Amino acid sequence: MTGQYTALLLITSIIWVLLWFGYRQNKINDEIKKKEKDERINAKVQRRKKLESLYPIRKKTV
């Protein structure tokens, strides 16, 4: 009976470790995706600002 409890504890521990590795890897991937998204947004904003500086908005005179 003690061997069965030991095997159950070992299997449970292995499952928890694998779940923890999966969680950690998912968190790392989420951070990488967020960083890439922020870089794309910042690049788009910079392109827009550069384009707006080339063509300034005209003031309407009445």
Protein backbone atom coordinates (compact mmCIF):
# COMPACT_ATOMS: atom_id res chain seq x y z
CA MET A 1 0.00 0.00 0.00
CA THR A 2 2.90 2.38 0.74
CA GLY A 3 4.28 1.85 -2.76
CA GLN A 4 0.95 2.87 -4.28
CA TYR A 5 0.85 6.08 -2.24
CA THR A 6 4.43 6.85 -3.25
CA ALA A 7 3.59 6.29 -6.92
CA LEU A 8 0.48 8.47 -6.61
CA LEU A 9 2.50 11.23 -4.96
CA LEU A 10 5.18 10.97 -7.65
CA ILE A 11 2.65 11.10 -10.50
CA THR A 12 0.83 14.04 -8.90
CA SER A 13 4.11 15.89 -8.40
CA ILE A 14 5.12 15.31 -12.03
CA ILE A 15 1.75 16.60 -13.25
CA TRP A 16 2.07 19.76 -11.13
CA VAL A 17 5.61 20.40 -12.42
CA LEU A 18 4.49 19.97 -16.04
CA LEU A 19 1.54 22.32 -15.47
CA TRP A 20 3.87 24.88 -13.92
CA PHE A 21 6.26 24.67 -16.92
CA GLY A 22 3.33 25.11 -19.30
CA TYR A 23 2.04 28.11 -17.35
CA ARG A 24 5.49 29.69 -17.32
CA GLN A 25 6.01 29.15 -21.05
CA ASN A 26 2.56 30.58 -21.80
CA LYS A 27 3.35 33.65 -19.69
CA ILE A 28 6.65 34.16 -21.54
CA ASN A 29 4.90 33.84 -24.92
CA ASP A 30 2.22 36.34 -23.84
CA GLU A 31 4.91 38.85 -22.84
CA ILE A 32 6.68 38.42 -26.20
CA LYS A 33 3.42 38.90 -28.12
CA LYS A 34 2.55 42.00 -26.07
CA LYS A 35 5.99 43.48 -26.73
CA GLU A 36 5.67 42.83 -30.48
CA LYS A 37 2.18 44.37 -30.52
CA ASP A 38 3.40 47.47 -28.68
CA GLU A 39 6.30 47.80 -31.14
CA ARG A 40 3.92 47.57 -34.12
CA ILE A 41 1.61 50.20 -32.60
CA ASN A 42 4.53 52.53 -31.85
CA ALA A 43 5.89 52.13 -35.39
CA LYS A 44 2.45 52.96 -36.82
CA VAL A 45 2.20 56.07 -34.63
CA GLN A 46 5.69 57.18 -35.65
CA ARG A 47 4.85 56.75 -39.35
CA ARG A 48 1.66 58.76 -38.88
CA LYS A 49 3.49 61.56 -37.06
CA LYS A 50 6.15 61.69 -39.74
CA LEU A 51 3.51 61.87 -42.46
CA GLU A 52 1.60 64.60 -40.59
CA SER A 53 4.79 66.62 -40.24
CA LEU A 54 5.28 66.50 -44.01
CA TYR A 55 1.73 67.73 -44.66
CA PRO A 56 0.73 70.23 -41.95
CA ILE A 57 -2.93 70.99 -41.41
CA ARG A 58 -4.07 74.19 -43.09
CA LYS A 59 -5.85 76.77 -41.02
CA LYS A 60 -9.16 77.90 -42.45
CA THR A 61 -9.35 81.63 -42.97
CA VAL A 62 -12.74 83.22 -43.17
